[in-house]
């Protein structure tokens, strides 16, 4: 299975188009391992550089990641991108688990999910009270939280908008792991709160028509589509031979 990614397209033509897109409680989890089929760390570095760090991308502070369908590896890519970005910038980076139907980032980082995004929407207090700092860097995680059942279907509330605005003020960058867009409107609602959306497609699985419908859904809602990541690509010959070509 490949660790390579490809950016299939960009929705905006206003900026230059690169060939590839791109005091909380301290916890001590073991360093997580990425999905073996997801992007390599070097490719994640390239991704965040092109999405966030190029000179013409300075306006991108909050970006949502969403899969076309479930099982594309979107959560692993979003988490890996947050780690890669935190390693390249000095300011705090916030990773948010907004995939309330299938939350997984607390398991990825092996941290408790006693409070998080859903609790922050319905409870008072600074957003830092609902985040945990991942030891060894400037990465903060806001898990899905304990009240996900109450938040489902309510992602367009003013409280959520206020919390995302607060994250923008408190953190240098915000990466949001959104649910898959197929069969769920939450990804579009979250995309409206972000500066743009990255789609994650699965090689040899995601159908062209499904991807087209997802693209049109974002565009009709006024959500900026930054590009797409082709994940789990299969090579017919060993990868080390490709590296020699």
C-alpha atoms as a PDB file:
ATOM      1  CA  UNK A   1       0.000   0.000   0.000  1.00  0.00           C
ATOM      2  CA  UNK A   2       1.237   3.429  -0.815  1.00  0.00           C
ATOM      3  CA  UNK A   3       2.069   6.268   1.499  1.00  0.00           C
ATOM      4  CA  UNK A   4       1.993   8.731  -1.368  1.00  0.00           C
ATOM      5  CA  UNK A   5      -0.684  11.343  -1.854  1.00  0.00           C
ATOM      6  CA  UNK A   6      -1.873  13.407  -4.774  1.00  0.00           C
ATOM      7  CA  UNK A   7      -3.791  16.650  -4.829  1.00  0.00           C
ATOM      8  CA  UNK A   8      -6.478  16.182  -7.448  1.00  0.00           C
ATOM      9  CA  UNK A   9      -7.753  19.724  -7.741  1.00  0.00           C
ATOM     10  CA  UNK A  10      -8.228  23.106  -6.104  1.00  0.00           C
ATOM     11  CA  UNK A  11     -11.508  24.960  -6.112  1.00  0.00           C
ATOM     12  CA  UNK A  12     -10.019  28.455  -5.832  1.00  0.00           C
ATOM     13  CA  UNK A  13      -8.238  30.208  -8.692  1.00  0.00           C
ATOM     14  CA  UNK A  14      -7.436  33.360  -6.742  1.00  0.00           C
ATOM     15  CA  UNK A  15      -4.083  32.142  -5.438  1.00  0.00           C
ATOM     16  CA  UNK A  16      -1.091  30.455  -6.995  1.00  0.00           C
ATOM     17  CA  UNK A  17      -1.684  26.753  -7.597  1.00  0.00           C
ATOM     18  CA  UNK A  18       1.144  24.517  -6.346  1.00  0.00           C
ATOM     19  CA  UNK A  19       1.407  21.044  -7.759  1.00  0.00           C
ATOM     20  CA  UNK A  20       0.757  19.507  -4.322  1.00  0.00           C
ATOM     21  CA  UNK A  21      -1.410  20.904  -1.573  1.00  0.00           C
ATOM     22  CA  UNK A  22      -0.565  21.283   1.164  1.00  0.00           C
ATOM     23  CA  UNK A  23      -2.461  26.290  30.334  1.00  0.00           C
ATOM     24  CA  UNK A  24      -4.258  22.992  29.701  1.00  0.00           C
ATOM     25  CA  UNK A  25      -3.722  19.714  31.532  1.00  0.00           C
ATOM     26  CA  UNK A  26      -0.618  17.891  30.300  1.00  0.00           C
ATOM     27  CA  UNK A  27      -1.030  14.215  29.476  1.00  0.00           C
ATOM     28  CA  UNK A  28       1.684  11.679  28.776  1.00  0.00           C
ATOM     29  CA  UNK A  29       0.473   9.237  26.109  1.00  0.00           C
ATOM     30  CA  UNK A  30       2.847   7.002  24.154  1.00  0.00           C
ATOM     31  CA  UNK A  31       3.622   8.439  20.745  1.00  0.00           C
ATOM     32  CA  UNK A  32       0.855   7.224  18.407  1.00  0.00           C
ATOM     33  CA  UNK A  33       1.396   5.292  15.224  1.00  0.00           C
ATOM     34  CA  UNK A  34      -0.223   6.366  11.988  1.00  0.00           C
ATOM     35  CA  UNK A  35      -2.502   4.159   9.967  1.00  0.00           C
ATOM     36  CA  UNK A  36      -0.006   2.042   7.987  1.00  0.00           C
ATOM     37  CA  UNK A  37      -1.910   2.891   4.815  1.00  0.00           C
ATOM     38  CA  UNK A  38      -1.961   6.645   5.437  1.00  0.00           C
ATOM     39  CA  UNK A  39       0.593   9.222   4.390  1.00  0.00           C
ATOM     40  CA  UNK A  40       4.190   9.000   5.556  1.00  0.00           C
ATOM     41  CA  UNK A  41       5.464  11.716   7.871  1.00  0.00           C
ATOM     42  CA  UNK A  42       7.565  13.276   5.136  1.00  0.00           C
ATOM     43  CA  UNK A  43       4.500  13.521   2.916  1.00  0.00           C
ATOM     44  CA  UNK A  44       2.495  15.024   5.775  1.00  0.00           C
ATOM     45  CA  UNK A  45       5.194  17.680   6.157  1.00  0.00           C
ATOM     46  CA  UNK A  46       4.816  18.555   2.478  1.00  0.00           C
ATOM     47  CA  UNK A  47       1.051  18.639   2.837  1.00  0.00           C
ATOM     48  CA  UNK A  48       0.974  21.115   5.739  1.00  0.00           C
ATOM     49  CA  UNK A  49       3.636  23.277   4.138  1.00  0.00           C
ATOM     50  CA  UNK A  50       1.532  23.700   1.026  1.00  0.00           C
ATOM     51  CA  UNK A  51      -1.765  24.120   2.868  1.00  0.00           C
ATOM     52  CA  UNK A  52      -0.611  26.450   5.652  1.00  0.00           C
ATOM     53  CA  UNK A  53       2.953  27.686   5.315  1.00  0.00           C
ATOM     54  CA  UNK A  54       3.540  28.917   1.780  1.00  0.00           C
ATOM     55  CA  UNK A  55       3.729  32.733   1.514  1.00  0.00           C
ATOM     56  CA  UNK A  56       0.364  32.918  -0.267  1.00  0.00           C
ATOM     57  CA  UNK A  57      -1.383  30.725   2.339  1.00  0.00           C
ATOM     58  CA  UNK A  58      -0.999  33.044   5.323  1.00  0.00           C
ATOM     59  CA  UNK A  59      -4.774  33.530   5.609  1.00  0.00           C
ATOM     60  CA  UNK A  60      -5.444  29.862   6.291  1.00  0.00           C
ATOM     61  CA  UNK A  61      -5.746  29.355  10.020  1.00  0.00           C
ATOM     62  CA  UNK A  62      -8.567  26.810  10.373  1.00  0.00           C
ATOM     63  CA  UNK A  63      -8.912  23.902   7.933  1.00  0.00           C
ATOM     64  CA  UNK A  64     -11.294  20.961   8.059  1.00  0.00           C
ATOM     65  CA  UNK A  65     -10.456  17.475   6.820  1.00  0.00           C
ATOM     66  CA  UNK A  66     -13.290  15.222   5.659  1.00  0.00           C
ATOM     67  CA  UNK A  67     -13.503  11.899   3.893  1.00  0.00           C
ATOM     68  CA  UNK A  68     -15.699  11.338   0.877  1.00  0.00           C
ATOM     69  CA  UNK A  69     -16.868   8.181   2.638  1.00  0.00           C
ATOM     70  CA  UNK A  70     -16.119   6.447   5.924  1.00  0.00           C
ATOM     71  CA  UNK A  71     -12.904   4.443   6.045  1.00  0.00           C
ATOM     72  CA  UNK A  72     -10.745   6.656   3.839  1.00  0.00           C
ATOM     73  CA  UNK A  73      -8.191   7.272   6.607  1.00  0.00           C
ATOM     74  CA  UNK A  74      -9.209  10.902   7.091  1.00  0.00           C
ATOM     75  CA  UNK A  75      -8.747  10.909  10.884  1.00  0.00           C
ATOM     76  CA  UNK A  76      -5.219   9.517  10.636  1.00  0.00           C
ATOM     77  CA  UNK A  77      -4.279  12.078   7.991  1.00  0.00           C
ATOM     78  CA  UNK A  78      -5.767  14.950   9.997  1.00  0.00           C
ATOM     79  CA  UNK A  79      -3.966  13.840  13.176  1.00  0.00           C
ATOM     80  CA  UNK A  80      -0.688  13.329  11.331  1.00  0.00           C
ATOM     81  CA  UNK A  81      -1.006  16.720   9.654  1.00  0.00           C
ATOM     82  CA  UNK A  82      -1.552  18.364  13.050  1.00  0.00           C
ATOM     83  CA  UNK A  83       1.590  16.692  14.418  1.00  0.00           C
ATOM     84  CA  UNK A  84       3.610  17.720  11.383  1.00  0.00           C
ATOM     85  CA  UNK A  85       2.390  21.313  11.563  1.00  0.00           C
ATOM     86  CA  UNK A  86       3.050  21.581  15.306  1.00  0.00           C
ATOM     87  CA  UNK A  87       6.615  20.436  14.686  1.00  0.00           C
ATOM     88  CA  UNK A  88       7.180  23.253  12.160  1.00  0.00           C
ATOM     89  CA  UNK A  89       5.649  26.247  13.938  1.00  0.00           C
ATOM     90  CA  UNK A  90       6.258  27.830  17.326  1.00  0.00           C
ATOM     91  CA  UNK A  91       2.711  28.802  18.165  1.00  0.00           C
ATOM     92  CA  UNK A  92       0.069  26.431  19.575  1.00  0.00           C
ATOM     93  CA  UNK A  93      -1.761  24.096  17.206  1.00  0.00           C
ATOM     94  CA  UNK A  94      -5.234  22.780  18.012  1.00  0.00           C
ATOM     95  CA  UNK A  95      -6.620  19.495  16.692  1.00  0.00           C
ATOM     96  CA  UNK A  96     -10.395  19.090  17.038  1.00  0.00           C
ATOM     97  CA  UNK A  97     -12.362  15.844  16.846  1.00  0.00           C
ATOM     98  CA  UNK A  98     -15.674  16.916  15.313  1.00  0.00           C
ATOM     99  CA  UNK A  99     -16.415  13.469  13.899  1.00  0.00           C
ATOM    100  CA  UNK A 100     -19.094  12.859  16.502  1.00  0.00           C
ATOM    101  CA  UNK A 101     -20.474   9.765  14.821  1.00  0.00           C
ATOM    102  CA  UNK A 102     -17.124   7.974  14.879  1.00  0.00           C
ATOM    103  CA  UNK A 103     -14.755   9.817  17.237  1.00  0.00           C
ATOM    104  CA  UNK A 104     -11.271   8.329  17.269  1.00  0.00           C
ATOM    105  CA  UNK A 105      -8.621  10.972  18.006  1.00  0.00           C
ATOM    106  CA  UNK A 106      -8.698  10.314  21.762  1.00  0.00           C
ATOM    107  CA  UNK A 107      -7.831   6.691  20.964  1.00  0.00           C
ATOM    108  CA  UNK A 108      -5.186   7.742  18.450  1.00  0.00           C
ATOM    109  CA  UNK A 109      -3.414   9.804  21.123  1.00  0.00           C
ATOM    110  CA  UNK A 110      -4.446   7.493  23.991  1.00  0.00           C
ATOM    111  CA  UNK A 111      -6.014  10.231  26.108  1.00  0.00           C
ATOM    112  CA  UNK A 112      -9.306  10.373  28.058  1.00  0.00           C
ATOM    113  CA  UNK A 113     -12.472  11.551  26.356  1.00  0.00           C
ATOM    114  CA  UNK A 114     -14.183  12.790  29.502  1.00  0.00           C
ATOM    115  CA  UNK A 115     -14.688  16.278  28.119  1.00  0.00           C
ATOM    116  CA  UNK A 116     -14.202  17.928  24.771  1.00  0.00           C
ATOM    117  CA  UNK A 117     -16.001  19.679  21.920  1.00  0.00           C
ATOM    118  CA  UNK A 118     -19.522  18.581  22.814  1.00  0.00           C
ATOM    119  CA  UNK A 119     -19.026  19.622  26.440  1.00  0.00           C
ATOM    120  CA  UNK A 120     -17.568  22.991  25.400  1.00  0.00           C
ATOM    121  CA  UNK A 121     -20.660  23.743  23.317  1.00  0.00           C
ATOM    122  CA  UNK A 122     -23.029  23.178  26.233  1.00  0.00           C
ATOM    123  CA  UNK A 123     -20.847  24.280  29.156  1.00  0.00           C
ATOM    124  CA  UNK A 124     -19.186  27.564  30.182  1.00  0.00           C
ATOM    125  CA  UNK A 125     -15.461  28.096  30.651  1.00  0.00           C
ATOM    126  CA  UNK A 126     -12.475  28.852  28.424  1.00  0.00           C
ATOM    127  CA  UNK A 127     -11.800  26.479  25.563  1.00  0.00           C
ATOM    128  CA  UNK A 128      -8.516  25.467  27.198  1.00  0.00           C
ATOM    129  CA  UNK A 129     -10.578  23.711  29.886  1.00  0.00           C
ATOM    130  CA  UNK A 130     -11.785  21.264  27.238  1.00  0.00           C
ATOM    131  CA  UNK A 131      -8.412  20.659  25.579  1.00  0.00           C
ATOM    132  CA  UNK A 132      -5.456  18.524  26.576  1.00  0.00           C
ATOM    133  CA  UNK A 133      -1.863  19.238  25.674  1.00  0.00           C
ATOM    134  CA  UNK A 134       0.037  16.436  24.016  1.00  0.00           C
ATOM    135  CA  UNK A 135       3.344  16.066  25.820  1.00  0.00           C
ATOM    136  CA  UNK A 136       6.503  17.036  24.019  1.00  0.00           C
ATOM    137  CA  UNK A 137       5.272  19.857  21.845  1.00  0.00           C
ATOM    138  CA  UNK A 138       2.771  22.588  21.179  1.00  0.00           C
ATOM    139  CA  UNK A 139      -0.077  20.377  19.999  1.00  0.00           C
ATOM    140  CA  UNK A 140      -3.422  20.542  21.819  1.00  0.00           C
ATOM    141  CA  UNK A 141      -6.318  18.139  21.324  1.00  0.00           C
ATOM    142  CA  UNK A 142     -10.010  18.899  21.811  1.00  0.00           C
ATOM    143  CA  UNK A 143     -11.622  15.423  21.835  1.00  0.00           C
ATOM    144  CA  UNK A 144     -15.229  14.823  20.840  1.00  0.00           C
ATOM    145  CA  UNK A 145     -16.318  14.902  24.486  1.00  0.00           C
ATOM    146  CA  UNK A 146     -18.890  13.127  26.606  1.00  0.00           C
ATOM    147  CA  UNK A 147     -22.033  14.793  25.232  1.00  0.00           C
ATOM    148  CA  UNK A 148     -21.776  13.839  21.579  1.00  0.00           C
ATOM    149  CA  UNK A 149     -25.352  12.544  21.446  1.00  0.00           C
ATOM    150  CA  UNK A 150     -26.637  16.015  22.366  1.00  0.00           C
ATOM    151  CA  UNK A 151     -24.472  17.754  19.785  1.00  0.00           C
ATOM    152  CA  UNK A 152     -25.444  15.592  16.822  1.00  0.00           C
ATOM    153  CA  UNK A 153     -27.610  17.608  14.489  1.00  0.00           C
ATOM    154  CA  UNK A 154     -26.741  20.834  16.313  1.00  0.00           C
ATOM    155  CA  UNK A 155     -23.465  21.723  14.647  1.00  0.00           C
ATOM    156  CA  UNK A 156     -24.903  24.944  13.264  1.00  0.00           C
ATOM    157  CA  UNK A 157     -25.564  26.406  16.706  1.00  0.00           C
ATOM    158  CA  UNK A 158     -24.229  29.800  17.665  1.00  0.00           C
ATOM    159  CA  UNK A 159     -22.425  28.163  20.588  1.00  0.00           C
ATOM    160  CA  UNK A 160     -20.309  26.061  18.248  1.00  0.00           C
ATOM    161  CA  UNK A 161     -19.531  29.052  16.069  1.00  0.00           C
ATOM    162  CA  UNK A 162     -18.450  30.935  19.161  1.00  0.00           C
ATOM    163  CA  UNK A 163     -16.169  28.102  20.263  1.00  0.00           C
ATOM    164  CA  UNK A 164     -14.482  27.870  16.861  1.00  0.00           C
ATOM    165  CA  UNK A 165     -13.967  31.630  16.923  1.00  0.00           C
ATOM    166  CA  UNK A 166     -12.415  31.246  20.378  1.00  0.00           C
ATOM    167  CA  UNK A 167     -10.059  28.550  19.076  1.00  0.00           C
ATOM    168  CA  UNK A 168      -8.927  30.939  16.345  1.00  0.00           C
ATOM    169  CA  UNK A 169      -8.039  33.480  19.014  1.00  0.00           C
ATOM    170  CA  UNK A 170      -6.247  31.083  21.338  1.00  0.00           C
ATOM    171  CA  UNK A 171      -4.373  28.906  18.832  1.00  0.00           C
ATOM    172  CA  UNK A 172      -2.206  29.690  15.850  1.00  0.00           C
ATOM    173  CA  UNK A 173      -3.775  26.933  13.739  1.00  0.00           C
ATOM    174  CA  UNK A 174      -6.897  24.793  14.046  1.00  0.00           C
ATOM    175  CA  UNK A 175      -7.292  21.455  12.238  1.00  0.00           C
ATOM    176  CA  UNK A 176     -10.742  19.900  12.399  1.00  0.00           C
ATOM    177  CA  UNK A 177     -11.458  16.223  11.797  1.00  0.00           C
ATOM    178  CA  UNK A 178     -14.979  16.304  10.334  1.00  0.00           C
ATOM    179  CA  UNK A 179     -17.275  13.373   9.576  1.00  0.00           C
ATOM    180  CA  UNK A 180     -17.436  11.977   6.062  1.00  0.00           C
ATOM    181  CA  UNK A 181     -19.570  14.072   3.743  1.00  0.00           C
ATOM    182  CA  UNK A 182     -21.338  11.078   2.216  1.00  0.00           C
ATOM    183  CA  UNK A 183     -24.717  10.767   3.919  1.00  0.00           C
ATOM    184  CA  UNK A 184     -24.015  13.554   6.441  1.00  0.00           C
ATOM    185  CA  UNK A 185     -24.443  17.322   6.278  1.00  0.00           C
ATOM    186  CA  UNK A 186     -22.170  17.986   9.263  1.00  0.00           C
ATOM    187  CA  UNK A 187     -19.060  18.228   7.071  1.00  0.00           C
ATOM    188  CA  UNK A 188     -20.581  21.134   5.141  1.00  0.00           C
ATOM    189  CA  UNK A 189     -21.610  22.896   8.354  1.00  0.00           C
ATOM    190  CA  UNK A 190     -18.101  22.520   9.766  1.00  0.00           C
ATOM    191  CA  UNK A 191     -16.599  23.637   6.471  1.00  0.00           C
ATOM    192  CA  UNK A 192     -18.488  26.923   6.775  1.00  0.00           C
ATOM    193  CA  UNK A 193     -16.687  27.602  10.060  1.00  0.00           C
ATOM    194  CA  UNK A 194     -13.256  26.886   8.564  1.00  0.00           C
ATOM    195  CA  UNK A 195     -11.128  28.657   5.965  1.00  0.00           C
ATOM    196  CA  UNK A 196     -11.413  25.685   3.657  1.00  0.00           C
ATOM    197  CA  UNK A 197     -11.770  21.923   3.381  1.00  0.00           C
ATOM    198  CA  UNK A 198      -9.418  19.130   2.344  1.00  0.00           C
ATOM    199  CA  UNK A 199     -11.158  16.047   0.929  1.00  0.00           C
ATOM    200  CA  UNK A 200      -9.697  12.598   1.556  1.00  0.00           C
ATOM    201  CA  UNK A 201     -10.388   9.989  -1.125  1.00  0.00           C
ATOM    202  CA  UNK A 202      -9.503   6.304  -1.102  1.00  0.00           C
ATOM    203  CA  UNK A 203      -7.676   4.949  -4.111  1.00  0.00           C
ATOM    204  CA  UNK A 204      -9.484   2.212  -6.038  1.00  0.00           C
ATOM    205  CA  UNK A 205     -12.560   2.719  -3.844  1.00  0.00           C
ATOM    206  CA  UNK A 206     -13.954   6.262  -4.050  1.00  0.00           C
ATOM    207  CA  UNK A 207     -16.170   6.579  -7.115  1.00  0.00           C
ATOM    208  CA  UNK A 208     -15.765   9.583  -9.378  1.00  0.00           C
ATOM    209  CA  UNK A 209     -19.480  10.414  -9.209  1.00  0.00           C
ATOM    210  CA  UNK A 210     -19.469  10.409  -5.403  1.00  0.00           C
ATOM    211  CA  UNK A 211     -16.476  12.752  -5.381  1.00  0.00           C
ATOM    212  CA  UNK A 212     -18.172  15.066  -7.888  1.00  0.00           C
ATOM    213  CA  UNK A 213     -21.323  15.268  -5.769  1.00  0.00           C
ATOM    214  CA  UNK A 214     -19.248  16.050  -2.668  1.00  0.00           C
ATOM    215  CA  UNK A 215     -17.412  18.811  -4.514  1.00  0.00           C
ATOM    216  CA  UNK A 216     -20.673  20.345  -5.690  1.00  0.00           C
ATOM    217  CA  UNK A 217     -22.136  20.158  -2.180  1.00  0.00           C
ATOM    218  CA  UNK A 218     -19.304  22.251  -0.789  1.00  0.00           C
ATOM    219  CA  UNK A 219     -19.380  24.720  -3.659  1.00  0.00           C
ATOM    220  CA  UNK A 220     -23.148  25.253  -3.455  1.00  0.00           C
ATOM    221  CA  UNK A 221     -22.802  25.919   0.293  1.00  0.00           C
ATOM    222  CA  UNK A 222     -20.059  28.479  -0.303  1.00  0.00           C
ATOM    223  CA  UNK A 223     -17.384  26.313   1.320  1.00  0.00           C
ATOM    224  CA  UNK A 224     -13.910  26.712  -0.139  1.00  0.00           C
ATOM    225  CA  UNK A 225     -12.503  23.409  -1.388  1.00  0.00           C
ATOM    226  CA  UNK A 226      -8.718  23.568  -1.042  1.00  0.00           C
ATOM    227  CA  UNK A 227      -7.965  20.227  -2.653  1.00  0.00           C
ATOM    228  CA  UNK A 228      -8.089  16.475  -2.240  1.00  0.00           C
ATOM    229  CA  UNK A 229      -5.765  13.803  -0.901  1.00  0.00           C
ATOM    230  CA  UNK A 230      -5.695  10.438  -2.665  1.00  0.00           C
ATOM    231  CA  UNK A 231      -4.984   7.944   0.101  1.00  0.00           C
ATOM    232  CA  UNK A 232      -4.165   4.232   0.166  1.00  0.00           C
ATOM    233  CA  UNK A 233      -2.807   4.201  -3.363  1.00  0.00           C
ATOM    234  CA  UNK A 234      -1.559   0.818  -4.562  1.00  0.00           C
ATOM    235  CA  UNK A 235       1.618   0.411  -6.592  1.00  0.00           C
ATOM    236  CA  UNK A 236       2.096  -2.668  -8.817  1.00  0.00           C
ATOM    237  CA  UNK A 237       5.815  -2.845  -8.003  1.00  0.00           C
ATOM    238  CA  UNK A 238       7.651  -2.334  -4.696  1.00  0.00           C
ATOM    239  CA  UNK A 239       7.867   1.255  -3.490  1.00  0.00           C
ATOM    240  CA  UNK A 240      11.688   1.277  -3.242  1.00  0.00           C
ATOM    241  CA  UNK A 241      11.847   0.714  -7.001  1.00  0.00           C
ATOM    242  CA  UNK A 242       9.714   3.830  -7.551  1.00  0.00           C
ATOM    243  CA  UNK A 243      12.141   5.794  -5.424  1.00  0.00           C
ATOM    244  CA  UNK A 244      14.939   4.801  -7.833  1.00  0.00           C
ATOM    245  CA  UNK A 245      13.070   5.957 -10.931  1.00  0.00           C
END
